[in-house]
């Protein structure tokens, strides 16, 4: 009987791996959001976002203007819209921020003698 209990517990623990099962706020519908979808198409798939942030407009060197809106889902996912169309989906914002921080830390670590930026491999 003990062996069955431990085996069942073992299976349960290893079947709950991965982001989808670990985070109760994970919105799996975001996996189906595609680039160039509009607001309504995304909302039909995902439901209403937890919050919306208007990031304003930016103008490129060529004079093109982009209006950026970011929708947040749960505590760790977002969809970025550029001019009303999906331009990116982040299913794990925490992991993305860790990667960005690693790149920034690597750039700061360069002593400047090589004249360029070197990106150090991320330790896993």
N, C-alpha and C. Protein backbone atom coordinates (compact mmCIF):
# COMPACT_ATOMS: atom_id res chain seq x y z
N UNK A 1 0.82 -1.19 0.00
CA UNK A 1 0.00 0.00 0.00
C UNK A 1 0.86 1.26 0.00
N UNK A 2 1.96 1.25 0.82
CA UNK A 2 2.86 2.39 0.86
C UNK A 2 3.49 2.63 -0.51
N UNK A 3 3.86 1.54 -1.18
CA UNK A 3 4.50 1.67 -2.48
C UNK A 3 3.56 2.32 -3.49
N UNK A 4 2.31 1.96 -3.46
CA UNK A 4 1.33 2.56 -4.37
C UNK A 4 1.18 4.05 -4.08
N UNK A 5 1.13 4.41 -2.79
CA UNK A 5 1.01 5.81 -2.41
C UNK A 5 2.21 6.61 -2.91
N UNK A 6 3.44 6.12 -2.65
CA UNK A 6 4.63 6.84 -3.08
C UNK A 6 4.73 6.91 -4.59
N UNK A 7 4.38 5.83 -5.26
CA UNK A 7 4.39 5.84 -6.72
C UNK A 7 3.39 6.86 -7.26
N UNK A 8 2.19 6.90 -6.67
CA UNK A 8 1.17 7.88 -7.09
C UNK A 8 1.64 9.30 -6.83
N UNK A 9 2.25 9.53 -5.67
CA UNK A 9 2.77 10.86 -5.34
C UNK A 9 3.88 11.25 -6.31
N UNK A 10 4.76 10.30 -6.63
CA UNK A 10 5.84 10.54 -7.57
C UNK A 10 5.29 10.95 -8.94
N UNK A 11 4.32 10.19 -9.44
CA UNK A 11 3.71 10.50 -10.74
C UNK A 11 3.04 11.87 -10.72
N UNK A 12 2.34 12.17 -9.62
CA UNK A 12 1.67 13.47 -9.51
C UNK A 12 2.66 14.62 -9.58
N UNK A 13 3.77 14.52 -8.83
CA UNK A 13 4.75 15.59 -8.81
C UNK A 13 5.38 15.81 -10.18
N UNK A 14 5.68 14.73 -10.88
CA UNK A 14 6.33 14.88 -12.17
C UNK A 14 5.34 15.18 -13.30
N UNK A 15 4.07 14.98 -13.07
CA UNK A 15 3.10 15.36 -14.10
C UNK A 15 2.76 16.84 -13.99
N UNK A 16 3.12 17.49 -12.88
CA UNK A 16 2.83 18.90 -12.67
C UNK A 16 4.01 19.79 -13.01
N UNK A 17 4.90 19.32 -13.87
CA UNK A 17 6.02 20.17 -14.22
C UNK A 17 5.61 21.11 -15.35
N UNK A 18 6.40 22.14 -15.55
CA UNK A 18 6.14 23.07 -16.62
C UNK A 18 5.34 24.27 -16.14
N UNK A 19 5.47 25.34 -16.88
CA UNK A 19 4.85 26.61 -16.54
C UNK A 19 3.33 26.52 -16.51
N UNK A 20 2.74 25.82 -17.42
CA UNK A 20 1.29 25.77 -17.54
C UNK A 20 0.63 25.26 -16.28
N UNK A 21 1.18 24.20 -15.72
CA UNK A 21 0.58 23.61 -14.53
C UNK A 21 1.04 24.29 -13.25
N UNK A 22 2.19 24.91 -13.27
CA UNK A 22 2.75 25.50 -12.06
C UNK A 22 2.10 26.83 -11.70
N UNK A 23 1.63 27.58 -12.66
CA UNK A 23 1.08 28.91 -12.43
C UNK A 23 -0.42 28.91 -12.65
N UNK A 24 -1.21 29.09 -11.59
CA UNK A 24 -2.66 29.09 -11.76
C UNK A 24 -3.17 30.27 -12.59
N UNK A 25 -2.34 31.30 -12.77
CA UNK A 25 -2.74 32.45 -13.58
C UNK A 25 -2.36 32.30 -15.05
N UNK A 26 -1.76 31.17 -15.42
CA UNK A 26 -1.32 30.97 -16.80
C UNK A 26 -2.53 30.88 -17.72
N UNK A 27 -2.57 31.71 -18.74
CA UNK A 27 -3.67 31.73 -19.70
C UNK A 27 -3.20 30.99 -20.95
N UNK A 28 -3.53 29.72 -21.06
CA UNK A 28 -3.05 28.90 -22.18
C UNK A 28 -3.59 29.38 -23.52
N UNK A 29 -4.67 30.15 -23.51
CA UNK A 29 -5.21 30.68 -24.77
C UNK A 29 -4.21 31.63 -25.44
N UNK A 30 -3.30 32.20 -24.68
CA UNK A 30 -2.31 33.11 -25.26
C UNK A 30 -1.38 32.38 -26.23
N UNK A 31 -1.25 31.06 -26.08
CA UNK A 31 -0.42 30.28 -27.00
C UNK A 31 -0.98 30.31 -28.41
N UNK A 32 -2.25 30.64 -28.56
CA UNK A 32 -2.89 30.68 -29.88
C UNK A 32 -2.93 32.07 -30.49
N UNK A 33 -2.46 33.08 -29.77
CA UNK A 33 -2.44 34.44 -30.30
C UNK A 33 -1.33 34.54 -31.33
N UNK A 34 -1.63 35.12 -32.48
CA UNK A 34 -0.68 35.23 -33.58
C UNK A 34 -0.41 36.69 -33.91
N UNK A 35 0.75 36.93 -34.46
CA UNK A 35 1.12 38.26 -34.92
C UNK A 35 0.08 38.79 -35.91
N UNK A 36 -0.21 40.07 -35.81
CA UNK A 36 -1.14 40.80 -36.67
C UNK A 36 -2.61 40.61 -36.32
N UNK A 37 -2.93 39.86 -35.25
CA UNK A 37 -4.33 39.81 -34.80
C UNK A 37 -4.69 41.19 -34.23
N UNK A 38 -5.96 41.55 -34.29
CA UNK A 38 -6.39 42.82 -33.71
C UNK A 38 -6.90 42.59 -32.29
N UNK A 39 -7.28 43.70 -31.62
CA UNK A 39 -7.73 43.63 -30.22
C UNK A 39 -8.89 42.64 -30.05
N UNK A 40 -9.88 42.74 -30.91
CA UNK A 40 -11.08 41.91 -30.77
C UNK A 40 -10.75 40.42 -30.94
N UNK A 41 -9.92 40.09 -31.92
CA UNK A 41 -9.54 38.70 -32.15
C UNK A 41 -8.83 38.11 -30.93
N UNK A 42 -7.97 38.91 -30.31
CA UNK A 42 -7.25 38.44 -29.12
C UNK A 42 -8.22 38.27 -27.96
N UNK A 43 -9.11 39.24 -27.76
CA UNK A 43 -10.06 39.16 -26.65
C UNK A 43 -10.99 37.96 -26.78
N UNK A 44 -11.37 37.63 -28.01
CA UNK A 44 -12.22 36.45 -28.21
C UNK A 44 -11.50 35.19 -27.75
N UNK A 45 -10.19 35.10 -28.02
CA UNK A 45 -9.40 33.93 -27.62
C UNK A 45 -9.10 33.90 -26.12
N UNK A 46 -8.74 35.05 -25.57
CA UNK A 46 -8.15 35.08 -24.24
C UNK A 46 -9.07 35.61 -23.14
N UNK A 47 -10.11 36.31 -23.53
CA UNK A 47 -10.90 37.02 -22.54
C UNK A 47 -10.27 38.39 -22.29
N UNK A 48 -10.86 39.14 -21.37
CA UNK A 48 -10.35 40.48 -21.08
C UNK A 48 -9.03 40.38 -20.31
N UNK A 49 -8.10 41.29 -20.59
CA UNK A 49 -6.84 41.29 -19.85
C UNK A 49 -7.04 41.77 -18.41
N UNK A 50 -6.10 41.43 -17.54
CA UNK A 50 -6.14 41.89 -16.16
C UNK A 50 -5.92 43.40 -16.10
N UNK A 51 -5.05 43.90 -16.98
CA UNK A 51 -4.81 45.34 -17.07
C UNK A 51 -4.27 45.68 -18.45
N UNK A 52 -4.36 46.97 -18.77
CA UNK A 52 -3.90 47.48 -20.07
C UNK A 52 -3.02 48.69 -19.79
N UNK A 53 -1.88 48.76 -20.49
CA UNK A 53 -1.00 49.91 -20.35
C UNK A 53 -0.76 50.53 -21.72
N UNK A 54 -1.06 51.82 -21.83
CA UNK A 54 -0.78 52.57 -23.06
C UNK A 54 0.64 53.10 -22.94
N UNK A 55 1.53 52.60 -23.78
CA UNK A 55 2.93 52.98 -23.73
C UNK A 55 3.24 54.20 -24.58
N UNK A 56 2.23 54.75 -25.24
CA UNK A 56 2.41 55.96 -26.04
C UNK A 56 2.85 55.67 -27.45
N UNK A 57 3.35 56.71 -28.09
CA UNK A 57 3.79 56.58 -29.48
C UNK A 57 5.28 56.84 -29.58
N UNK A 58 5.86 56.26 -30.61
CA UNK A 58 7.27 56.50 -30.89
C UNK A 58 7.40 56.73 -32.39
N UNK A 59 8.40 57.50 -32.75
CA UNK A 59 8.64 57.81 -34.16
C UNK A 59 10.03 57.32 -34.53
N UNK A 60 10.10 56.57 -35.62
CA UNK A 60 11.39 56.04 -36.07
C UNK A 60 12.18 57.12 -36.79
N UNK A 61 13.42 56.79 -37.12
CA UNK A 61 14.27 57.72 -37.86
C UNK A 61 13.70 58.05 -39.23
N UNK A 62 12.89 57.15 -39.77
CA UNK A 62 12.30 57.38 -41.10
C UNK A 62 10.97 58.13 -41.01
N UNK A 63 10.53 58.44 -39.79
CA UNK A 63 9.29 59.19 -39.62
C UNK A 63 8.05 58.34 -39.39
N UNK A 64 8.20 57.03 -39.37
CA UNK A 64 7.07 56.15 -39.10
C UNK A 64 6.69 56.25 -37.62
N UNK A 65 5.39 56.35 -37.35
CA UNK A 65 4.91 56.46 -35.98
C UNK A 65 4.25 55.16 -35.57
N UNK A 66 4.54 54.71 -34.36
CA UNK A 66 3.96 53.49 -33.81
C UNK A 66 3.32 53.79 -32.47
N UNK A 67 2.09 53.32 -32.28
CA UNK A 67 1.39 53.44 -31.00
C UNK A 67 1.44 52.08 -30.33
N UNK A 68 1.95 52.04 -29.10
CA UNK A 68 2.16 50.78 -28.40
C UNK A 68 1.18 50.63 -27.23
N UNK A 69 0.51 49.48 -27.18
CA UNK A 69 -0.40 49.12 -26.09
C UNK A 69 0.02 47.73 -25.61
N UNK A 70 0.07 47.55 -24.29
CA UNK A 70 0.42 46.24 -23.75
C UNK A 70 -0.72 45.76 -22.86
N UNK A 71 -1.18 44.53 -23.12
CA UNK A 71 -2.20 43.87 -22.31
C UNK A 71 -1.50 42.89 -21.40
N UNK A 72 -1.91 42.87 -20.12
CA UNK A 72 -1.33 41.96 -19.14
C UNK A 72 -2.35 40.92 -18.72
N UNK A 73 -1.89 39.67 -18.60
CA UNK A 73 -2.73 38.55 -18.18
C UNK A 73 -2.08 37.90 -16.97
N UNK A 74 -2.87 37.69 -15.91
CA UNK A 74 -2.31 37.11 -14.70
C UNK A 74 -1.18 37.97 -14.19
N UNK A 75 -0.14 37.35 -13.72
CA UNK A 75 0.99 38.08 -13.16
C UNK A 75 2.25 37.97 -14.01
N UNK A 76 2.18 37.23 -15.13
CA UNK A 76 3.44 36.93 -15.82
C UNK A 76 3.32 36.80 -17.33
N UNK A 77 2.23 37.30 -17.93
CA UNK A 77 2.06 37.17 -19.37
C UNK A 77 1.57 38.49 -19.95
N UNK A 78 1.93 38.73 -21.21
CA UNK A 78 1.46 39.95 -21.85
C UNK A 78 1.39 39.80 -23.36
N UNK A 79 0.60 40.68 -23.96
CA UNK A 79 0.51 40.79 -25.41
C UNK A 79 0.81 42.24 -25.76
N UNK A 80 1.72 42.45 -26.70
CA UNK A 80 2.07 43.80 -27.16
C UNK A 80 1.39 44.05 -28.49
N UNK A 81 0.74 45.21 -28.58
CA UNK A 81 0.10 45.65 -29.82
C UNK A 81 0.85 46.87 -30.35
N UNK A 82 1.11 46.87 -31.64
CA UNK A 82 1.68 48.03 -32.32
C UNK A 82 0.68 48.46 -33.38
N UNK A 83 0.19 49.67 -33.25
CA UNK A 83 -0.82 50.21 -34.16
C UNK A 83 -2.04 49.29 -34.27
N UNK A 84 -2.47 48.74 -33.13
CA UNK A 84 -3.69 47.94 -33.08
C UNK A 84 -3.56 46.49 -33.51
N UNK A 85 -2.35 46.05 -33.80
CA UNK A 85 -2.11 44.66 -34.22
C UNK A 85 -1.07 44.02 -33.30
N UNK A 86 -1.24 42.73 -33.03
CA UNK A 86 -0.30 42.01 -32.17
C UNK A 86 1.09 42.05 -32.79
N UNK A 87 2.06 42.49 -31.98
CA UNK A 87 3.45 42.49 -32.42
C UNK A 87 4.30 41.54 -31.59
N UNK A 88 3.74 41.05 -30.48
CA UNK A 88 4.48 40.10 -29.66
C UNK A 88 3.64 39.55 -28.53
N UNK A 89 3.96 38.32 -28.13
CA UNK A 89 3.30 37.65 -27.01
C UNK A 89 4.40 37.14 -26.09
N UNK A 90 4.30 37.45 -24.80
CA UNK A 90 5.27 36.97 -23.83
C UNK A 90 4.55 36.06 -22.84
N UNK A 91 4.82 34.77 -22.94
CA UNK A 91 4.18 33.78 -22.08
C UNK A 91 4.85 33.66 -20.72
N UNK A 92 6.04 34.25 -20.56
CA UNK A 92 6.76 34.20 -19.29
C UNK A 92 7.60 35.47 -19.16
N UNK A 93 6.97 36.55 -18.70
CA UNK A 93 7.65 37.84 -18.59
C UNK A 93 8.84 37.78 -17.63
N UNK A 94 8.74 37.00 -16.57
CA UNK A 94 9.85 36.90 -15.61
C UNK A 94 11.10 36.34 -16.28
N UNK A 95 10.94 35.29 -17.07
CA UNK A 95 12.09 34.71 -17.78
C UNK A 95 12.66 35.70 -18.78
N UNK A 96 11.79 36.44 -19.46
CA UNK A 96 12.26 37.44 -20.43
C UNK A 96 13.07 38.53 -19.74
N UNK A 97 12.59 38.98 -18.57
CA UNK A 97 13.32 40.01 -17.83
C UNK A 97 14.67 39.50 -17.34
N UNK A 98 14.73 38.23 -16.95
CA UNK A 98 16.01 37.65 -16.53
C UNK A 98 17.00 37.66 -17.69
N UNK A 99 16.53 37.32 -18.89
CA UNK A 99 17.41 37.31 -20.06
C UNK A 99 17.89 38.72 -20.39
N UNK A 100 16.99 39.69 -20.33
CA UNK A 100 17.36 41.09 -20.59
C UNK A 100 18.38 41.56 -19.56
N UNK A 101 18.14 41.24 -18.28
CA UNK A 101 19.07 41.63 -17.23
C UNK A 101 20.44 41.00 -17.45
N UNK A 102 20.45 39.75 -17.89
CA UNK A 102 21.73 39.07 -18.16
C UNK A 102 22.49 39.80 -19.28
N UNK A 103 21.79 40.20 -20.32
CA UNK A 103 22.43 40.92 -21.42
C UNK A 103 22.99 42.25 -20.93
N UNK A 104 22.21 42.97 -20.12
CA UNK A 104 22.68 44.25 -19.59
C UNK A 104 23.89 44.05 -18.67
N UNK A 105 23.85 43.04 -17.82
CA UNK A 105 24.98 42.76 -16.93
C UNK A 105 26.22 42.37 -17.71
N UNK A 106 26.03 41.59 -18.78
CA UNK A 106 27.17 41.19 -19.61
C UNK A 106 27.79 42.40 -20.29
N UNK A 107 26.96 43.32 -20.77
CA UNK A 107 27.47 44.53 -21.42
C UNK A 107 28.25 45.40 -20.43
N UNK A 108 27.75 45.49 -19.20
CA UNK A 108 28.43 46.29 -18.17
C UNK A 108 29.76 45.66 -17.76
N UNK A 109 29.86 44.34 -17.87
CA UNK A 109 31.05 43.63 -17.44
C UNK A 109 32.23 43.82 -18.40
N UNK A 110 31.96 44.29 -19.60
CA UNK A 110 33.03 44.48 -20.58
C UNK A 110 33.93 45.62 -20.09
N UNK A 111 35.23 45.40 -20.11
CA UNK A 111 36.14 46.42 -19.58
C UNK A 111 36.44 47.53 -20.57
N UNK A 112 35.96 47.43 -21.79
CA UNK A 112 36.14 48.51 -22.76
C UNK A 112 37.40 48.42 -23.58
N UNK A 113 38.34 47.54 -23.28
CA UNK A 113 39.59 47.47 -24.04
C UNK A 113 39.40 46.86 -25.42
N UNK A 114 38.36 46.05 -25.60
CA UNK A 114 38.16 45.40 -26.89
C UNK A 114 37.42 46.31 -27.87
N UNK A 115 36.85 47.39 -27.36
CA UNK A 115 36.17 48.34 -28.23
C UNK A 115 34.77 47.92 -28.63
N UNK A 116 34.31 46.77 -28.18
CA UNK A 116 32.97 46.31 -28.55
C UNK A 116 32.26 45.69 -27.37
N UNK A 117 31.04 45.31 -27.59
CA UNK A 117 30.24 44.67 -26.54
C UNK A 117 30.36 43.16 -26.71
N UNK A 118 30.59 42.48 -25.62
CA UNK A 118 30.65 41.03 -25.63
C UNK A 118 29.53 40.50 -24.76
N UNK A 119 28.80 39.54 -25.26
CA UNK A 119 27.72 38.91 -24.49
C UNK A 119 28.24 37.59 -23.95
N UNK A 120 28.22 37.45 -22.64
CA UNK A 120 28.68 36.23 -22.02
C UNK A 120 27.57 35.19 -22.05
N UNK A 121 27.90 33.93 -22.23
CA UNK A 121 26.86 32.89 -22.21
C UNK A 121 26.14 32.86 -20.87
N UNK A 122 24.85 32.66 -20.89
CA UNK A 122 24.05 32.61 -19.67
C UNK A 122 24.28 31.28 -18.98
N UNK A 123 24.51 31.33 -17.68
CA UNK A 123 24.69 30.12 -16.90
C UNK A 123 23.34 29.52 -16.58
N UNK A 124 23.17 28.22 -16.75
CA UNK A 124 21.89 27.59 -16.49
C UNK A 124 21.93 26.72 -15.27
